[in-house]
Amino acid sequence: MATTGGVSNGMTEPCDVCETNTLHEVSIQLVTESTNEDNAQYSREPYRVRECTRCGNRDSQRMNNA
């Protein structure tokens, strides 16, 4: 589980590349998953995006598995 690392701008989380807990910047992005332009506005899903401030490794995870 992520914990605050005493820094107001990031989260300390395990990094697969660094193989240790490092400071991460975490954000939420809305991603349009439909290629059909008629209903693309209804197919946006939230993704949790995190980036390691030590090595730059970036990954994302879909937040809604409906």
C-alpha atoms as a PDB file:
ATOM      1  CA  MET A   1       0.000   0.000   0.000  1.00  0.00           C
ATOM      2  CA  ALA A   2       1.164   3.516  -0.754  1.00  0.00           C
ATOM      3  CA  THR A   3       2.220   5.742   2.088  1.00  0.00           C
ATOM      4  CA  THR A   4       3.088   9.392   2.283  1.00  0.00           C
ATOM      5  CA  GLY A   5       6.821   9.787   2.522  1.00  0.00           C
ATOM      6  CA  GLY A   6       6.899  13.057   4.406  1.00  0.00           C
ATOM      7  CA  VAL A   7       6.800  14.898   1.077  1.00  0.00           C
ATOM      8  CA  SER A   8       3.714  16.789   0.025  1.00  0.00           C
ATOM      9  CA  ASN A   9       4.185  16.218  -3.737  1.00  0.00           C
ATOM     10  CA  GLY A  10       4.502  12.449  -3.970  1.00  0.00           C
ATOM     11  CA  MET A  11       3.857   8.948  -2.733  1.00  0.00           C
ATOM     12  CA  THR A  12       6.315   6.289  -1.632  1.00  0.00           C
ATOM     13  CA  GLU A  13       5.468   3.086  -3.503  1.00  0.00           C
ATOM     14  CA  PRO A  14       7.350  -0.014  -4.630  1.00  0.00           C
ATOM     15  CA  CYS A  15       9.095   0.454  -7.985  1.00  0.00           C
ATOM     16  CA  ASP A  16       9.601  -2.627 -10.174  1.00  0.00           C
ATOM     17  CA  VAL A  17      12.680  -1.116 -11.835  1.00  0.00           C
ATOM     18  CA  CYS A  18      14.404   0.278  -8.713  1.00  0.00           C
ATOM     19  CA  GLU A  19      13.283  -2.760  -6.655  1.00  0.00           C
ATOM     20  CA  THR A  20      12.687  -0.582  -3.602  1.00  0.00           C
ATOM     21  CA  ASN A  21      10.149   1.895  -2.237  1.00  0.00           C
ATOM     22  CA  THR A  22      10.706   5.209  -3.992  1.00  0.00           C
ATOM     23  CA  LEU A  23       8.937   8.533  -4.337  1.00  0.00           C
ATOM     24  CA  HIS A  24       6.245   8.476  -7.049  1.00  0.00           C
ATOM     25  CA  GLU A  25       4.135  11.199  -8.596  1.00  0.00           C
ATOM     26  CA  VAL A  26       0.565   9.922  -8.919  1.00  0.00           C
ATOM     27  CA  SER A  27      -2.221  11.322 -11.097  1.00  0.00           C
ATOM     28  CA  ILE A  28      -5.566  10.307 -12.580  1.00  0.00           C
ATOM     29  CA  GLN A  29      -6.192  10.477 -16.341  1.00  0.00           C
ATOM     30  CA  LEU A  30      -9.410   9.934 -18.268  1.00  0.00           C
ATOM     31  CA  VAL A  31      -8.784   7.682 -21.273  1.00  0.00           C
ATOM     32  CA  THR A  32     -11.257   7.311 -24.139  1.00  0.00           C
ATOM     33  CA  GLU A  33     -11.410   3.620 -24.961  1.00  0.00           C
ATOM     34  CA  SER A  34     -13.909   3.683 -27.839  1.00  0.00           C
ATOM     35  CA  THR A  35     -12.809   4.223 -31.434  1.00  0.00           C
ATOM     36  CA  ASN A  36     -16.381   5.043 -32.478  1.00  0.00           C
ATOM     37  CA  GLU A  37     -16.667   8.850 -32.590  1.00  0.00           C
ATOM     38  CA  ASP A  38     -20.444   8.779 -32.018  1.00  0.00           C
ATOM     39  CA  ASN A  39     -20.175   7.443 -28.462  1.00  0.00           C
ATOM     40  CA  ALA A  40     -16.543   8.197 -27.552  1.00  0.00           C
ATOM     41  CA  GLN A  41     -17.679  10.732 -24.949  1.00  0.00           C
ATOM     42  CA  TYR A  42     -19.377   7.913 -23.024  1.00  0.00           C
ATOM     43  CA  SER A  43     -16.407   5.532 -23.030  1.00  0.00           C
ATOM     44  CA  ARG A  44     -13.962   7.453 -20.850  1.00  0.00           C
ATOM     45  CA  GLU A  45     -12.423   5.482 -18.007  1.00  0.00           C
ATOM     46  CA  PRO A  46     -10.216   6.694 -15.134  1.00  0.00           C
ATOM     47  CA  TYR A  47      -6.629   5.413 -15.033  1.00  0.00           C
ATOM     48  CA  ARG A  48      -4.224   5.797 -12.114  1.00  0.00           C
ATOM     49  CA  VAL A  49      -0.857   6.868 -13.523  1.00  0.00           C
ATOM     50  CA  ARG A  50       2.302   6.789 -11.446  1.00  0.00           C
ATOM     51  CA  GLU A  51       5.869   7.760 -12.274  1.00  0.00           C
ATOM     52  CA  CYS A  52       8.962   6.959 -10.243  1.00  0.00           C
ATOM     53  CA  THR A  53      10.924  10.140  -9.543  1.00  0.00           C
ATOM     54  CA  ARG A  54      14.132   8.133  -9.193  1.00  0.00           C
ATOM     55  CA  CYS A  55      14.250   6.146 -12.469  1.00  0.00           C
ATOM     56  CA  GLY A  56      11.347   7.604 -14.475  1.00  0.00           C
ATOM     57  CA  ASN A  57       9.481   4.292 -14.814  1.00  0.00           C
ATOM     58  CA  ARG A  58       5.829   5.054 -15.600  1.00  0.00           C
ATOM     59  CA  ASP A  59       2.818   2.753 -15.498  1.00  0.00           C
ATOM     60  CA  SER A  60      -0.944   3.012 -15.417  1.00  0.00           C
ATOM     61  CA  GLN A  61      -3.809   0.938 -14.078  1.00  0.00           C
ATOM     62  CA  ARG A  62      -7.480   1.107 -14.998  1.00  0.00           C
ATOM     63  CA  MET A  63      -9.500   2.084 -11.934  1.00  0.00           C
ATOM     64  CA  ASN A  64     -12.930   0.879 -13.078  1.00  0.00           C
ATOM     65  CA  ASN A  65     -13.283  -2.732 -14.223  1.00  0.00           C
ATOM     66  CA  ALA A  66     -16.983  -2.507 -15.082  1.00  0.00           C
END
